[in-house]
C-alpha cells in the first residue's frame, strides 16, 4: 500500500512541477501606453509588433477607445476615419491590422483592415446583419477570424 501511495505522490508531484517549470521560463513585459488609463494588447506577430487598444481617462468617460501598434518601443495610433471607437484584434507578419470600429452606435460595428501601404479599408461581412462583430485575427495569407452576435 505504501509503495502505491509513494508512486502516486511522485506522479502528482511531477504533474504539478512541469507547468511550474514552464512558467518559470516565460518572460513578461508590462505594456503601458503613455497617457492611457488602460492598455490592452491583443495580438503580436513574428516581428514582435503588438496590436492593441487603449483609452485615456477622457476616452473612458466618453466610452471610446483607440487602436495602437507598438513596434520597437514606439506607438502608432490606428483609428478608423470618422469612427467613434476603434479596437484592434491582430496584426499579421505583413503588417496588416484587422480590427473593429463603430460610428457611434455600439450595436452597429464594422470590421476593417489597415496597412501602411493601403491605409484603411472596410471589410464587408458575409452576413445580412451587423450585430456587434468582433474582428480579432488575421494570418499571413489574409484569412480573418472573428465572431458576431
Protein backbone atom coordinates (compact mmCIF):
# COMPACT_ATOMS: atom_id res chain seq x y z
CA UNK A 1 0.00 0.00 0.00
CA UNK A 2 2.83 2.43 0.84
CA UNK A 3 4.54 1.75 -2.48
CA UNK A 4 1.37 2.66 -4.39
CA UNK A 5 0.97 5.83 -2.35
CA UNK A 6 4.61 6.78 -2.95
CA UNK A 7 4.23 6.22 -6.72
CA UNK A 8 1.05 8.26 -6.69
CA UNK A 9 2.75 11.16 -4.87
CA UNK A 10 5.68 11.08 -7.30
CA UNK A 11 3.33 11.21 -10.30
CA UNK A 12 1.28 14.05 -8.79
CA UNK A 13 4.47 15.97 -7.93
CA UNK A 14 5.74 15.66 -11.49
CA UNK A 15 2.34 16.64 -12.86
CA UNK A 16 2.41 19.82 -10.75
CA UNK A 17 6.11 20.61 -11.28
CA UNK A 18 6.17 20.58 -15.10
CA UNK A 19 3.73 23.52 -15.57
CA UNK A 20 5.60 25.48 -12.88
CA UNK A 21 8.92 24.95 -14.70
CA UNK A 22 7.32 26.11 -17.93
CA UNK A 23 6.01 29.29 -16.28
CA UNK A 24 9.43 29.98 -14.78
CA UNK A 25 10.88 30.10 -18.31
CA UNK A 26 8.45 32.80 -19.53
CA UNK A 27 9.39 36.47 -19.61
CA UNK A 28 6.72 39.13 -19.11
CA UNK A 29 6.89 42.78 -20.12
CA UNK A 30 4.44 45.44 -18.98
CA UNK A 31 2.87 47.42 -21.81
CA UNK A 32 1.69 50.78 -20.55
CA UNK A 33 0.96 53.40 -23.20
CA UNK A 34 1.84 56.89 -22.01
CA UNK A 35 -1.26 58.87 -21.02
CA UNK A 36 -3.53 55.83 -21.22
CA UNK A 37 -5.72 54.68 -18.38
CA UNK A 38 -5.99 51.21 -19.93
CA UNK A 39 -3.66 49.47 -22.37
CA UNK A 40 -4.97 46.16 -23.74
CA UNK A 41 -2.63 44.25 -26.08
CA UNK A 42 -4.47 41.71 -28.23
CA UNK A 43 -2.05 40.32 -30.80
CA UNK A 44 1.61 40.01 -31.74
CA UNK A 45 3.26 38.99 -34.99
CA UNK A 46 6.57 37.20 -35.57
CA UNK A 47 8.36 40.55 -35.90
CA UNK A 48 7.32 41.48 -32.36
CA UNK A 49 4.82 44.15 -33.46
CA UNK A 50 1.97 44.29 -30.95
CA UNK A 51 -1.60 45.33 -31.79
CA UNK A 52 -3.91 46.54 -29.09
CA UNK A 53 -6.40 49.05 -27.80
CA UNK A 54 -6.03 51.82 -25.24
CA UNK A 55 -8.00 54.65 -23.72
CA UNK A 56 -7.22 57.79 -21.80
CA UNK A 57 -9.38 58.87 -18.85
CA UNK A 58 -11.27 61.26 -21.16
CA UNK A 59 -11.86 58.46 -23.67
CA UNK A 60 -13.06 56.17 -20.88
CA UNK A 61 -15.57 58.84 -19.81
CA UNK A 62 -16.77 59.10 -23.42
CA UNK A 63 -16.83 55.28 -23.73
CA UNK A 64 -14.44 55.27 -26.68
CA UNK A 65 -11.09 53.63 -27.36
CA UNK A 66 -8.34 53.81 -29.97
CA UNK A 67 -6.16 51.15 -31.51
CA UNK A 68 -2.39 51.12 -31.44
CA UNK A 69 0.60 49.32 -32.87
CA UNK A 70 3.72 49.01 -30.72
CA UNK A 71 6.96 48.49 -32.65
CA UNK A 72 10.41 48.84 -31.10
CA UNK A 73 9.04 50.84 -28.17
CA UNK A 74 7.13 53.33 -30.36
CA UNK A 75 3.34 53.59 -30.53
CA UNK A 76 1.32 54.35 -33.66
CA UNK A 77 -2.36 55.22 -33.27
CA UNK A 78 -4.78 53.35 -35.53
CA UNK A 79 -8.22 54.98 -35.64
CA UNK A 80 -10.67 54.31 -38.47
CA UNK A 81 -11.56 57.66 -40.12
CA UNK A 82 -14.90 59.01 -38.93
CA UNK A 83 -15.26 56.31 -36.28
CA UNK A 84 -16.33 56.84 -32.71
CA UNK A 85 -14.40 53.84 -31.43
CA UNK A 86 -11.62 51.61 -32.87
CA UNK A 87 -10.43 48.29 -31.43
CA UNK A 88 -7.56 46.26 -32.87
CA UNK A 89 -7.63 42.50 -32.83
CA UNK A 90 -4.43 41.40 -34.55
CA UNK A 91 -1.53 42.23 -36.84
CA UNK A 92 0.00 39.70 -39.22
CA UNK A 93 3.62 39.40 -40.37
CA UNK A 94 2.92 41.62 -43.39
CA UNK A 95 1.82 44.42 -41.05
CA UNK A 96 -1.87 44.15 -41.94
CA UNK A 97 -4.10 45.00 -38.98
CA UNK A 98 -7.59 43.56 -38.50
CA UNK A 99 -9.98 45.27 -36.12
CA UNK A 100 -13.42 46.62 -35.31
CA UNK A 101 -14.86 50.14 -35.37
CA UNK A 102 -18.18 51.80 -34.78
CA UNK A 103 -19.61 55.12 -35.86
CA UNK A 104 -21.39 55.94 -32.60
CA UNK A 105 -23.97 53.16 -32.37
CA UNK A 106 -22.35 50.33 -30.40
CA UNK A 107 -24.70 47.77 -31.97
CA UNK A 108 -23.56 48.62 -35.49
CA UNK A 109 -19.89 47.73 -35.54
CA UNK A 110 -17.84 47.02 -38.63
CA UNK A 111 -14.63 45.19 -39.46
CA UNK A 112 -11.68 46.87 -41.13
CA UNK A 113 -8.12 46.29 -42.23
CA UNK A 114 -5.27 48.75 -42.12
CA UNK A 115 -1.79 48.63 -43.60
CA UNK A 116 0.86 51.27 -44.15
CA UNK A 117 0.65 50.56 -47.91
CA UNK A 118 -3.13 50.52 -48.39
CA UNK A 119 -4.45 52.60 -45.49
CA UNK A 120 -7.92 51.88 -44.06
CA UNK A 121 -10.36 49.54 -45.76
CA UNK A 122 -13.80 48.47 -44.55
CA UNK A 123 -14.31 44.70 -44.62
CA UNK A 124 -17.79 43.56 -45.59
CA UNK A 125 -19.03 40.55 -43.67
CA UNK A 126 -20.92 37.71 -45.33
CA UNK A 127 -23.96 38.24 -43.09
CA UNK A 128 -27.02 40.45 -43.50
CA UNK A 129 -26.97 41.97 -40.02
CA UNK A 130 -24.01 43.71 -38.44
CA UNK A 131 -24.75 42.87 -34.82
CA UNK A 132 -21.65 43.53 -32.83
CA UNK A 133 -18.90 41.79 -34.79
CA UNK A 134 -15.58 41.21 -33.05
CA UNK A 135 -12.89 41.18 -35.73
CA UNK A 136 -9.87 39.77 -33.98
CA UNK A 137 -7.49 37.62 -36.02
CA UNK A 138 -5.61 37.61 -39.33
CA UNK A 139 -2.93 35.25 -40.60
CA UNK A 140 -0.17 35.65 -43.18
CA UNK A 141 -2.46 34.61 -46.03
CA UNK A 142 -5.02 37.25 -45.08
CA UNK A 143 -7.54 34.79 -43.64
CA UNK A 144 -9.58 36.56 -40.97
CA UNK A 145 -11.38 35.31 -37.91
CA UNK A 146 -13.92 36.86 -35.59
CA UNK A 147 -17.37 36.48 -34.16
CA UNK A 148 -20.72 38.25 -34.05
CA UNK A 149 -23.93 38.12 -32.02
